[in-house]
Amino acid sequence: QVQLVESGGGLVQAGGSLRLSCLASGRIFSISAMGWYRQAPGKQREWVATITSGGTTNYAGSVKNRFTISRDNAKNTVYLQMNSLKPEDTGVYYCRQWPDYWGQGTQVTVSS
């Protein structure tokens, strides 16, 4: 059974930074692709970033060059470093482990 627990969310001013963490249980973490998604109030959940088991990363256009996804397989943890935050980055951020395991989410609020 895979369990994902996100942390690191909070309230930050525009232009600030936050680092999200997602701790995964289970022994398949190192061979699994991991991703971050977010859901703003009244909107559908959207993809933010992905990192493969080999370390290849991909980003949504809206966060490219501002966010960085990384992983530490020794710690079963995936990170999302978020810089130059904007109010439109506000939402609940979810961690995903492929194929279809999800965390409970962590709230990120960016004030203008």
PDB file of N, CA and C in Angstrom:
ATOM      1  N   GLN A   1       0.840  -1.189   0.000  1.00  0.00           N
ATOM      2  CA  GLN A   1       0.000   0.000   0.000  1.00  0.00           C
ATOM      3  C   GLN A   1       0.878   1.244   0.000  1.00  0.00           C
ATOM      4  N   VAL A   2       0.620   2.136  -0.934  1.00  0.00           N
ATOM      5  CA  VAL A   2       1.384   3.374  -1.041  1.00  0.00           C
ATOM      6  C   VAL A   2       0.628   4.492  -0.340  1.00  0.00           C
ATOM      7  N   GLN A   3       1.334   5.240   0.482  1.00  0.00           N
ATOM      8  CA  GLN A   3       0.761   6.428   1.102  1.00  0.00           C
ATOM      9  C   GLN A   3       1.674   7.607   0.824  1.00  0.00           C
ATOM     10  N   LEU A   4       1.071   8.742   0.517  1.00  0.00           N
ATOM     11  CA  LEU A   4       1.810   9.960   0.208  1.00  0.00           C
ATOM     12  C   LEU A   4       1.382  11.055   1.175  1.00  0.00           C
ATOM     13  N   VAL A   5       2.355  11.743   1.758  1.00  0.00           N
ATOM     14  CA  VAL A   5       2.052  12.810   2.702  1.00  0.00           C
ATOM     15  C   VAL A   5       2.806  14.069   2.283  1.00  0.00           C
ATOM     16  N   GLU A   6       2.046  15.096   1.903  1.00  0.00           N
ATOM     17  CA  GLU A   6       2.644  16.370   1.506  1.00  0.00           C
ATOM     18  C   GLU A   6       2.819  17.280   2.715  1.00  0.00           C
ATOM     19  N   SER A   7       3.788  18.173   2.619  1.00  0.00           N
ATOM     20  CA  SER A   7       4.003  19.183   3.641  1.00  0.00           C
ATOM     21  C   SER A   7       4.710  20.368   3.004  1.00  0.00           C
ATOM     22  N   GLY A   8       4.759  21.476   3.755  1.00  0.00           N
ATOM     23  CA  GLY A   8       5.499  22.645   3.294  1.00  0.00           C
ATOM     24  C   GLY A   8       4.654  23.773   2.755  1.00  0.00           C
ATOM     25  N   GLY A   9       3.366  23.579   2.662  1.00  0.00           N
ATOM     26  CA  GLY A   9       2.509  24.656   2.182  1.00  0.00           C
ATOM     27  C   GLY A   9       2.391  25.768   3.206  1.00  0.00           C
ATOM     28  N   GLY A  10       1.770  26.862   2.789  1.00  0.00           N
ATOM     29  CA  GLY A  10       1.587  27.981   3.699  1.00  0.00           C
ATOM     30  C   GLY A  10       1.190  29.236   2.969  1.00  0.00           C
ATOM     31  N   LEU A  11       1.287  30.345   3.681  1.00  0.00           N
ATOM     32  CA  LEU A  11       0.955  31.664   3.139  1.00  0.00           C
ATOM     33  C   LEU A  11       2.246  32.416   2.858  1.00  0.00           C
ATOM     34  N   VAL A  12       2.360  32.964   1.661  1.00  0.00           N
ATOM     35  CA  VAL A  12       3.565  33.690   1.281  1.00  0.00           C
ATOM     36  C   VAL A  12       3.165  34.871   0.407  1.00  0.00           C
ATOM     37  N   GLN A  13       3.960  35.918   0.444  1.00  0.00           N
ATOM     38  CA  GLN A  13       3.698  37.078  -0.406  1.00  0.00           C
ATOM     39  C   GLN A  13       4.176  36.812  -1.824  1.00  0.00           C
ATOM     40  N   ALA A  14       3.580  37.510  -2.755  1.00  0.00           N
ATOM     41  CA  ALA A  14       4.001  37.398  -4.144  1.00  0.00           C
ATOM     42  C   ALA A  14       5.492  37.699  -4.256  1.00  0.00           C
ATOM     43  N   GLY A  15       6.169  36.884  -5.060  1.00  0.00           N
ATOM     44  CA  GLY A  15       7.607  37.016  -5.201  1.00  0.00           C
ATOM     45  C   GLY A  15       8.397  36.130  -4.259  1.00  0.00           C
ATOM     46  N   GLY A  16       7.721  35.551  -3.293  1.00  0.00           N
ATOM     47  CA  GLY A  16       8.382  34.693  -2.319  1.00  0.00           C
ATOM     48  C   GLY A  16       8.569  33.272  -2.801  1.00  0.00           C
ATOM     49  N   SER A  17       9.047  32.432  -1.891  1.00  0.00           N
ATOM     50  CA  SER A  17       9.352  31.038  -2.223  1.00  0.00           C
ATOM     51  C   SER A  17       8.796  30.097  -1.173  1.00  0.00           C
ATOM     52  N   LEU A  18       8.514  28.888  -1.615  1.00  0.00           N
ATOM     53  CA  LEU A  18       8.138  27.792  -0.732  1.00  0.00           C
ATOM     54  C   LEU A  18       8.736  26.509  -1.292  1.00  0.00           C
ATOM     55  N   ARG A  19       8.996  25.557  -0.408  1.00  0.00           N
ATOM     56  CA  ARG A  19       9.403  24.228  -0.860  1.00  0.00           C
ATOM     57  C   ARG A  19       8.442  23.202  -0.298  1.00  0.00           C
ATOM     58  N   LEU A  20       7.789  22.487  -1.199  1.00  0.00           N
ATOM     59  CA  LEU A  20       6.891  21.412  -0.813  1.00  0.00           C
ATOM     60  C   LEU A  20       7.651  20.091  -0.787  1.00  0.00           C
ATOM     61  N   SER A  21       7.235  19.226   0.126  1.00  0.00           N
ATOM     62  CA  SER A  21       7.798  17.885   0.213  1.00  0.00           C
ATOM     63  C   SER A  21       6.676  16.863   0.164  1.00  0.00           C
ATOM     64  N   CYS A  22       6.988  15.705  -0.367  1.00  0.00           N
ATOM     65  CA  CYS A  22       6.033  14.597  -0.406  1.00  0.00           C
ATOM     66  C   CYS A  22       6.773  13.334  -0.010  1.00  0.00           C
ATOM     67  N   LEU A  23       6.404  12.794   1.144  1.00  0.00           N
ATOM     68  CA  LEU A  23       7.024  11.576   1.654  1.00  0.00           C
ATOM     69  C   LEU A  23       6.162  10.388   1.266  1.00  0.00           C
ATOM     70  N   ALA A  24       6.793   9.423   0.608  1.00  0.00           N
ATOM     71  CA  ALA A  24       6.076   8.241   0.131  1.00  0.00           C
ATOM     72  C   ALA A  24       6.450   7.006   0.930  1.00  0.00           C
ATOM     73  N   SER A  25       5.460   6.189   1.202  1.00  0.00           N
ATOM     74  CA  SER A  25       5.725   4.900   1.818  1.00  0.00           C
ATOM     75  C   SER A  25       5.855   3.861   0.718  1.00  0.00           C
ATOM     76  N   GLY A  26       6.314   2.697   1.035  1.00  0.00           N
ATOM     77  CA  GLY A  26       6.394   1.637   0.042  1.00  0.00           C
ATOM     78  C   GLY A  26       7.771   1.526  -0.583  1.00  0.00           C
ATOM     79  N   ARG A  27       8.027   0.364  -1.166  1.00  0.00           N
ATOM     80  CA  ARG A  27       9.358   0.076  -1.693  1.00  0.00           C
ATOM     81  C   ARG A  27       9.504   0.343  -3.181  1.00  0.00           C
ATOM     82  N   ILE A  28       8.441   0.855  -3.811  1.00  0.00           N
ATOM     83  CA  ILE A  28       8.527   1.055  -5.257  1.00  0.00           C
ATOM     84  C   ILE A  28       8.804   2.514  -5.619  1.00  0.00           C
ATOM     85  N   PHE A  29       9.078   3.357  -4.625  1.00  0.00           N
ATOM     86  CA  PHE A  29       9.242   4.789  -4.895  1.00  0.00           C
ATOM     87  C   PHE A  29      10.320   5.027  -5.934  1.00  0.00           C
ATOM     88  N   SER A  30      11.454   4.375  -5.788  1.00  0.00           N
ATOM     89  CA  SER A  30      12.604   4.690  -6.645  1.00  0.00           C
ATOM     90  C   SER A  30      12.361   4.345  -8.103  1.00  0.00           C
ATOM     91  N   ILE A  31      11.419   3.478  -8.389  1.00  0.00           N
ATOM     92  CA  ILE A  31      11.161   3.091  -9.775  1.00  0.00           C
ATOM     93  C   ILE A  31       9.897   3.740 -10.321  1.00  0.00           C
ATOM     94  N   SER A  32       9.324   4.649  -9.561  1.00  0.00           N
ATOM     95  CA  SER A  32       8.073   5.276  -9.960  1.00  0.00           C
ATOM     96  C   SER A  32       8.280   6.717 -10.402  1.00  0.00           C
ATOM     97  N   ALA A  33       7.543   7.099 -11.422  1.00  0.00           N
ATOM     98  CA  ALA A  33       7.469   8.515 -11.755  1.00  0.00           C
ATOM     99  C   ALA A  33       6.646   9.216 -10.689  1.00  0.00           C
ATOM    100  N   MET A  34       7.005  10.462 -10.415  1.00  0.00           N
ATOM    101  CA  MET A  34       6.312  11.255  -9.402  1.00  0.00           C
ATOM    102  C   MET A  34       5.906  12.583 -10.017  1.00  0.00           C
ATOM    103  N   GLY A  35       4.836  13.158  -9.484  1.00  0.00           N
ATOM    104  CA  GLY A  35       4.386  14.419 -10.030  1.00  0.00           C
ATOM    105  C   GLY A  35       3.716  15.298  -8.998  1.00  0.00           C
ATOM    106  N   TRP A  36       3.606  16.556  -9.352  1.00  0.00           N
ATOM    107  CA  TRP A  36       2.857  17.532  -8.559  1.00  0.00           C
ATOM    108  C   TRP A  36       1.721  18.083  -9.411  1.00  0.00           C
ATOM    109  N   TYR A  37       0.581  18.222  -8.783  1.00  0.00           N
ATOM    110  CA  TYR A  37      -0.596  18.815  -9.394  1.00  0.00           C
ATOM    111  C   TYR A  37      -1.121  19.880  -8.443  1.00  0.00           C
ATOM    112  N   ARG A  38      -1.993  20.744  -8.957  1.00  0.00           N
ATOM    113  CA  ARG A  38      -2.608  21.737  -8.077  1.00  0.00           C
ATOM    114  C   ARG A  38      -4.040  21.991  -8.507  1.00  0.00           C
ATOM    115  N   GLN A  39      -4.817  22.465  -7.544  1.00  0.00           N
ATOM    116  CA  GLN A  39      -6.220  22.782  -7.821  1.00  0.00           C
ATOM    117  C   GLN A  39      -6.562  24.096  -7.146  1.00  0.00           C
ATOM    118  N   ALA A  40      -6.878  25.081  -7.970  1.00  0.00           N
ATOM    119  CA  ALA A  40      -7.305  26.377  -7.468  1.00  0.00           C
ATOM    120  C   ALA A  40      -8.799  26.337  -7.169  1.00  0.00           C
ATOM    121  N   PRO A  41      -9.281  27.228  -6.297  1.00  0.00           N
ATOM    122  CA  PRO A  41     -10.707  27.242  -5.968  1.00  0.00           C
ATOM    123  C   PRO A  41     -11.570  27.396  -7.215  1.00  0.00           C
ATOM    124  N   GLY A  42     -12.547  26.518  -7.370  1.00  0.00           N
ATOM    125  CA  GLY A  42     -13.461  26.609  -8.490  1.00  0.00           C
ATOM    126  C   GLY A  42     -12.905  26.119  -9.811  1.00  0.00           C
ATOM    127  N   LYS A  43     -11.702  25.559  -9.797  1.00  0.00           N
ATOM    128  CA  LYS A  43     -11.077  25.097 -11.032  1.00  0.00           C
ATOM    129  C   LYS A  43     -10.743  23.617 -10.941  1.00  0.00           C
ATOM    130  N   GLN A  44     -10.479  23.035 -12.109  1.00  0.00           N
ATOM    131  CA  GLN A  44     -10.089  21.633 -12.143  1.00  0.00           C
ATOM    132  C   GLN A  44      -8.627  21.467 -11.725  1.00  0.00           C
ATOM    133  N   ARG A  45      -8.321  20.289 -11.255  1.00  0.00           N
ATOM    134  CA  ARG A  45      -6.946  19.983 -10.908  1.00  0.00           C
ATOM    135  C   ARG A  45      -6.087  20.018 -12.169  1.00  0.00           C
ATOM    136  N   GLU A  46      -4.906  20.611 -12.066  1.00  0.00           N
ATOM    137  CA  GLU A  46      -4.020  20.709 -13.227  1.00  0.00           C
ATOM    138  C   GLU A  46      -2.632  20.191 -12.892  1.00  0.00           C
ATOM    139  N   TRP A  47      -1.996  19.685 -13.909  1.00  0.00           N
ATOM    140  CA  TRP A  47      -0.641  19.160 -13.770  1.00  0.00           C
ATOM    141  C   TRP A  47       0.354  20.308 -13.641  1.00  0.00           C
ATOM    142  N   VAL A  48       1.362  20.122 -12.772  1.00  0.00           N
ATOM    143  CA  VAL A  48       2.378  21.149 -12.550  1.00  0.00           C
ATOM    144  C   VAL A  48       3.748  20.677 -13.045  1.00  0.00           C
ATOM    145  N   ALA A  49       4.154  19.494 -12.575  1.00  0.00           N
ATOM    146  CA  ALA A  49       5.489  19.009 -12.916  1.00  0.00           C
ATOM    147  C   ALA A  49       5.577  17.509 -12.701  1.00  0.00           C
ATOM    148  N   THR A  50       6.518  16.888 -13.416  1.00  0.00           N
ATOM    149  CA  THR A  50       6.752  15.454 -13.315  1.00  0.00           C
ATOM    150  C   THR A  50       8.239  15.176 -13.273  1.00  0.00           C
ATOM    151  N   ILE A  51       8.611  14.140 -12.539  1.00  0.00           N
ATOM    152  CA  ILE A  51       9.985  13.653 -12.570  1.00  0.00           C
ATOM    153  C   ILE A  51       9.940  12.135 -12.710  1.00  0.00           C
ATOM    154  N   THR A  52      10.686  11.618 -13.681  1.00  0.00           N
ATOM    155  CA  THR A  52      10.699  10.176 -13.901  1.00  0.00           C
ATOM    156  C   THR A  52      11.641   9.487 -12.916  1.00  0.00           C
ATOM    157  N   SER A  53      11.633   8.165 -12.938  1.00  0.00           N
ATOM    158  CA  SER A  53      12.539   7.427 -12.065  1.00  0.00           C
ATOM    159  C   SER A  53      13.995   7.722 -12.414  1.00  0.00           C
ATOM    160  N   GLY A  54      14.245   8.082 -13.653  1.00  0.00           N
ATOM    161  CA  GLY A  54      15.599   8.400 -14.067  1.00  0.00           C
ATOM    162  C   GLY A  54      15.984   9.853 -13.882  1.00  0.00           C
ATOM    163  N   GLY A  55      15.047  10.671 -13.398  1.00  0.00           N
ATOM    164  CA  GLY A  55      15.368  12.057 -13.099  1.00  0.00           C
ATOM    165  C   GLY A  55      14.998  13.055 -14.177  1.00  0.00           C
ATOM    166  N   THR A  56      14.363  12.592 -15.247  1.00  0.00           N
ATOM    167  CA  THR A  56      13.918  13.527 -16.284  1.00  0.00           C
ATOM    168  C   THR A  56      12.728  14.326 -15.777  1.00  0.00           C
ATOM    169  N   THR A  57      12.760  15.632 -16.005  1.00  0.00           N
ATOM    170  CA  THR A  57      11.714  16.515 -15.496  1.00  0.00           C
ATOM    171  C   THR A  57      10.943  17.184 -16.627  1.00  0.00           C
ATOM    172  N   ASN A  58       9.696  17.492 -16.335  1.00  0.00           N
ATOM    173  CA  ASN A  58       8.856  18.254 -17.247  1.00  0.00           C
ATOM    174  C   ASN A  58       7.988  19.191 -16.434  1.00  0.00           C
ATOM    175  N   TYR A  59       7.675  20.347 -17.038  1.00  0.00           N
ATOM    176  CA  TYR A  59       6.925  21.363 -16.319  1.00  0.00           C
ATOM    177  C   TYR A  59       5.799  21.928 -17.175  1.00  0.00           C
ATOM    178  N   ALA A  60       4.737  22.333 -16.496  1.00  0.00           N
ATOM    179  CA  ALA A  60       3.704  23.103 -17.176  1.00  0.00           C
ATOM    180  C   ALA A  60       4.282  24.459 -17.550  1.00  0.00           C
ATOM    181  N   GLY A  61       3.801  25.006 -18.642  1.00  0.00           N
ATOM    182  CA  GLY A  61       4.344  26.270 -19.115  1.00  0.00           C
ATOM    183  C   GLY A  61       4.225  27.395 -18.101  1.00  0.00           C
ATOM    184  N   SER A  62       3.165  27.362 -17.297  1.00  0.00           N
ATOM    185  CA  SER A  62       2.912  28.448 -16.351  1.00  0.00           C
ATOM    186  C   SER A  62       3.910  28.483 -15.196  1.00  0.00           C
ATOM    187  N   VAL A  63       4.641  27.384 -14.972  1.00  0.00           N
ATOM    188  CA  VAL A  63       5.580  27.332 -13.841  1.00  0.00           C
ATOM    189  C   VAL A  63       7.026  27.139 -14.295  1.00  0.00           C
ATOM    190  N   LYS A  64       7.236  26.912 -15.576  1.00  0.00           N
ATOM    191  CA  LYS A  64       8.589  26.670 -16.068  1.00  0.00           C
ATOM    192  C   LYS A  64       9.499  27.834 -15.737  1.00  0.00           C
ATOM    193  N   ASN A  65      10.696  27.519 -15.321  1.00  0.00           N
ATOM    194  CA  ASN A  65      11.714  28.504 -14.936  1.00  0.00           C
ATOM    195  C   ASN A  65      11.449  29.152 -13.578  1.00  0.00           C
ATOM    196  N   ARG A  66      10.369  28.758 -12.916  1.00  0.00           N
ATOM    197  CA  ARG A  66      10.103  29.253 -11.556  1.00  0.00           C
ATOM    198  C   ARG A  66      10.076  28.110 -10.543  1.00  0.00           C
ATOM    199  N   PHE A  67       9.575  26.954 -10.975  1.00  0.00           N
ATOM    200  CA  PHE A  67       9.456  25.793 -10.089  1.00  0.00           C
ATOM    201  C   PHE A  67      10.485  24.744 -10.485  1.00  0.00           C
ATOM    202  N   THR A  68      10.945  23.988  -9.492  1.00  0.00           N
ATOM    203  CA  THR A  68      11.875  22.889  -9.738  1.00  0.00           C
ATOM    204  C   THR A  68      11.426  21.657  -8.968  1.00  0.00           C
ATOM    205  N   ILE A  69      11.234  20.562  -9.687  1.00  0.00           N
ATOM    206  CA  ILE A  69      10.903  19.293  -9.056  1.00  0.00           C
ATOM    207  C   ILE A  69      12.173  18.465  -8.919  1.00  0.00           C
ATOM    208  N   SER A  70      12.306  17.791  -7.789  1.00  0.00           N
ATOM    209  CA  SER A  70      13.466  16.937  -7.556  1.00  0.00           C
ATOM    210  C   SER A  70      13.053  15.782  -6.666  1.00  0.00           C
ATOM    211  N   ARG A  71      13.928  14.800  -6.553  1.00  0.00           N
ATOM    212  CA  ARG A  71      13.606  13.627  -5.728  1.00  0.00           C
ATOM    213  C   ARG A  71      14.848  13.144  -5.015  1.00  0.00           C
ATOM    214  N   ASP A  72      14.627  12.546  -3.856  1.00  0.00           N
ATOM    215  CA  ASP A  72      15.685  11.914  -3.084  1.00  0.00           C
ATOM    216  C   ASP A  72      15.217  10.495  -2.805  1.00  0.00           C
ATOM    217  N   ASN A  73      15.705   9.549  -3.586  1.00  0.00           N
ATOM    218  CA  ASN A  73      15.228   8.173  -3.456  1.00  0.00           C
ATOM    219  C   ASN A  73      15.618   7.550  -2.124  1.00  0.00           C
ATOM    220  N   ALA A  74      16.718   8.002  -1.536  1.00  0.00           N
ATOM    221  CA  ALA A  74      17.129   7.467  -0.240  1.00  0.00           C
ATOM    222  C   ALA A  74      16.140   7.853   0.855  1.00  0.00           C
ATOM    223  N   LYS A  75      15.437   8.969   0.638  1.00  0.00           N
ATOM    224  CA  LYS A  75      14.474   9.451   1.625  1.00  0.00           C
ATOM    225  C   LYS A  75      13.029   9.228   1.190  1.00  0.00           C
ATOM    226  N   ASN A  76      12.839   8.572   0.042  1.00  0.00           N
ATOM    227  CA  ASN A  76      11.485   8.354  -0.481  1.00  0.00           C
ATOM    228  C   ASN A  76      10.691   9.661  -0.554  1.00  0.00           C
ATOM    229  N   THR A  77      11.349  10.716  -0.994  1.00  0.00           N
ATOM    230  CA  THR A  77      10.735  12.043  -0.974  1.00  0.00           C
ATOM    231  C   THR A  77      10.910  12.749  -2.312  1.00  0.00           C
ATOM    232  N   VAL A  78       9.861  13.412  -2.728  1.00  0.00           N
ATOM    233  CA  VAL A  78       9.913  14.282  -3.903  1.00  0.00           C
ATOM    234  C   VAL A  78       9.622  15.710  -3.431  1.00  0.00           C
ATOM    235  N   TYR A  79      10.296  16.658  -4.049  1.00  0.00           N
ATOM    236  CA  TYR A  79      10.204  18.062  -3.643  1.00  0.00           C
ATOM    237  C   TYR A  79       9.685  18.920  -4.795  1.00  0.00           C
ATOM    238  N   LEU A  80       9.128  20.047  -4.434  1.00  0.00           N
ATOM    239  CA  LEU A  80       8.781  21.070  -5.416  1.00  0.00           C
ATOM    240  C   LEU A  80       9.251  22.411  -4.860  1.00  0.00           C
ATOM    241  N   GLN A  81      10.330  22.927  -5.410  1.00  0.00           N
ATOM    242  CA  GLN A  81      10.822  24.237  -5.030  1.00  0.00           C
ATOM    243  C   GLN A  81      10.101  25.277  -5.880  1.00  0.00           C
ATOM    244  N   MET A  82       9.422  26.194  -5.224  1.00  0.00           N
ATOM    245  CA  MET A  82       8.612  27.187  -5.926  1.00  0.00           C
ATOM    246  C   MET A  82       9.177  28.575  -5.633  1.00  0.00           C
ATOM    247  N   ASN A  83       9.657  29.242  -6.665  1.00  0.00           N
ATOM    248  CA  ASN A  83      10.215  30.583  -6.541  1.00  0.00           C
ATOM    249  C   ASN A  83       9.366  31.579  -7.328  1.00  0.00           C
ATOM    250  N   SER A  84       9.562  32.847  -7.039  1.00  0.00           N
ATOM    251  CA  SER A  84       8.839  33.916  -7.743  1.00  0.00           C
ATOM    252  C   SER A  84       7.339  33.623  -7.783  1.00  0.00           C
ATOM    253  N   LEU A  85       6.801  33.290  -6.645  1.00  0.00           N
ATOM    254  CA  LEU A  85       5.395  32.896  -6.583  1.00  0.00           C
ATOM    255  C   LEU A  85       4.470  34.051  -6.935  1.00  0.00           C
ATOM    256  N   LYS A  86       3.362  33.688  -7.571  1.00  0.00           N
ATOM    257  CA  LYS A  86       2.356  34.653  -8.004  1.00  0.00           C
ATOM    258  C   LYS A  86       1.013  34.298  -7.349  1.00  0.00           C
ATOM    259  N   PRO A  87       0.120  35.261  -7.234  1.00  0.00           N
ATOM    260  CA  PRO A  87      -1.198  34.952  -6.660  1.00  0.00           C
ATOM    261  C   PRO A  87      -1.912  33.818  -7.396  1.00  0.00           C
ATOM    262  N   GLU A  88      -1.692  33.707  -8.690  1.00  0.00           N
ATOM    263  CA  GLU A  88      -2.340  32.637  -9.460  1.00  0.00           C
ATOM    264  C   GLU A  88      -1.754  31.264  -9.185  1.00  0.00           C
ATOM    265  N   ASP A  89      -0.710  31.176  -8.392  1.00  0.00           N
ATOM    266  CA  ASP A  89      -0.175  29.886  -7.965  1.00  0.00           C
ATOM    267  C   ASP A  89      -0.932  29.338  -6.751  1.00  0.00           C
ATOM    268  N   THR A  90      -1.854  30.127  -6.222  1.00  0.00           N
ATOM    269  CA  THR A  90      -2.634  29.702  -5.062  1.00  0.00           C
ATOM    270  C   THR A  90      -3.460  28.469  -5.374  1.00  0.00           C
ATOM    271  N   GLY A  91      -3.478  27.532  -4.433  1.00  0.00           N
ATOM    272  CA  GLY A  91      -4.283  26.335  -4.589  1.00  0.00           C
ATOM    273  C   GLY A  91      -3.820  25.242  -3.650  1.00  0.00           C
ATOM    274  N   VAL A  92      -4.487  24.110  -3.748  1.00  0.00           N
ATOM    275  CA  VAL A  92      -4.071  22.916  -3.016  1.00  0.00           C
ATOM    276  C   VAL A  92      -3.142  22.122  -3.928  1.00  0.00           C
ATOM    277  N   TYR A  93      -1.972  21.814  -3.434  1.00  0.00           N
ATOM    278  CA  TYR A  93      -0.966  21.084  -4.202  1.00  0.00           C
ATOM    279  C   TYR A  93      -0.959  19.620  -3.774  1.00  0.00           C
ATOM    280  N   TYR A  94      -1.050  18.760  -4.780  1.00  0.00           N
ATOM    281  CA  TYR A  94      -1.129  17.321  -4.557  1.00  0.00           C
ATOM    282  C   TYR A  94       0.084  16.627  -5.160  1.00  0.00           C
ATOM    283  N   CYS A  95       0.544  15.633  -4.458  1.00  0.00           N
ATOM    284  CA  CYS A  95       1.613  14.771  -4.924  1.00  0.00           C
ATOM    285  C   CYS A  95       0.994  13.518  -5.537  1.00  0.00           C
ATOM    286  N   ARG A  96       1.576  13.051  -6.625  1.00  0.00           N
ATOM    287  CA  ARG A  96       1.103  11.834  -7.265  1.00  0.00           C
ATOM    288  C   ARG A  96       2.267  10.886  -7.510  1.00  0.00           C
ATOM    289  N   GLN A  97       2.023   9.600  -7.223  1.00  0.00           N
ATOM    290  CA  GLN A  97       2.965   8.549  -7.594  1.00  0.00           C
ATOM    291  C   GLN A  97       2.262   7.664  -8.617  1.00  0.00           C
ATOM    292  N   TRP A  98       2.915   7.495  -9.750  1.00  0.00           N
ATOM    293  CA  TRP A  98       2.299   6.674 -10.798  1.00  0.00           C
ATOM    294  C   TRP A  98       2.204   5.232 -10.340  1.00  0.00           C
ATOM    295  N   PRO A  99       1.091   4.509 -10.726  1.00  0.00           N
ATOM    296  CA  PRO A  99       0.139   5.010 -11.701  1.00  0.00           C
ATOM    297  C   PRO A  99      -0.930   5.960 -11.158  1.00  0.00           C
ATOM    298  N   ASP A 100      -1.412   5.720  -9.938  1.00  0.00           N
ATOM    299  CA  ASP A 100      -2.546   6.542  -9.538  1.00  0.00           C
ATOM    300  C   ASP A 100      -2.682   6.628  -8.022  1.00  0.00           C
ATOM    301  N   TYR A 101      -1.585   6.963  -7.347  1.00  0.00           N
ATOM    302  CA  TYR A 101      -1.614   7.182  -5.903  1.00  0.00           C
ATOM    303  C   TYR A 101      -1.487   8.682  -5.646  1.00  0.00           C
ATOM    304  N   TRP A 102      -2.301   9.185  -4.699  1.00  0.00           N
ATOM    305  CA  TRP A 102      -2.356  10.630  -4.446  1.00  0.00           C
ATOM    306  C   TRP A 102      -2.235  10.914  -2.952  1.00  0.00           C
ATOM    307  N   GLY A 103      -1.647  12.044  -2.630  1.00  0.00           N
ATOM    308  CA  GLY A 103      -1.634  12.527  -1.269  1.00  0.00           C
ATOM    309  C   GLY A 103      -2.888  13.325  -0.972  1.00  0.00           C
ATOM    310  N   GLN A 104      -2.952  13.840   0.249  1.00  0.00           N
ATOM    311  CA  GLN A 104      -4.154  14.561   0.680  1.00  0.00           C
ATOM    312  C   GLN A 104      -4.097  16.042   0.320  1.00  0.00           C
ATOM    313  N   GLY A 105      -2.932  16.509  -0.083  1.00  0.00           N
ATOM    314  CA  GLY A 105      -2.791  17.890  -0.512  1.00  0.00           C
ATOM    315  C   GLY A 105      -2.289  18.811   0.580  1.00  0.00           C
ATOM    316  N   THR A 106      -1.650  19.885   0.150  1.00  0.00           N
ATOM    317  CA  THR A 106      -1.189  20.929   1.059  1.00  0.00           C
ATOM    318  C   THR A 106      -1.530  22.281   0.453  1.00  0.00           C
ATOM    319  N   GLN A 107      -2.034  23.183   1.269  1.00  0.00           N
ATOM    320  CA  GLN A 107      -2.527  24.477   0.778  1.00  0.00           C
ATOM    321  C   GLN A 107      -1.372  25.452   0.590  1.00  0.00           C
ATOM    322  N   VAL A 108      -1.369  26.091  -0.565  1.00  0.00           N
ATOM    323  CA  VAL A 108      -0.437  27.181  -0.849  1.00  0.00           C
ATOM    324  C   VAL A 108      -1.264  28.426  -1.168  1.00  0.00           C
ATOM    325  N   THR A 109      -0.997  29.494  -0.445  1.00  0.00           N
ATOM    326  CA  THR A 109      -1.699  30.750  -0.670  1.00  0.00           C
ATOM    327  C   THR A 109      -0.675  31.845  -0.894  1.00  0.00           C
ATOM    328  N   VAL A 110      -0.798  32.514  -2.034  1.00  0.00           N
ATOM    329  CA  VAL A 110       0.119  33.601  -2.380  1.00  0.00           C
ATOM    330  C   VAL A 110      -0.672  34.899  -2.379  1.00  0.00           C
ATOM    331  N   SER A 111      -0.276  35.803  -1.513  1.00  0.00           N
ATOM    332  CA  SER A 111      -0.978  37.084  -1.410  1.00  0.00           C
ATOM    333  C   SER A 111      -0.313  38.139  -2.292  1.00  0.00           C
ATOM    334  N   SER A 112      -1.122  39.042  -2.787  1.00  0.00           N
ATOM    335  CA  SER A 112      -0.593  40.087  -3.671  1.00  0.00           C
ATOM    336  C   SER A 112      -0.151  41.312  -2.886  1.00  0.00           C
TER     337      SER A 112
END
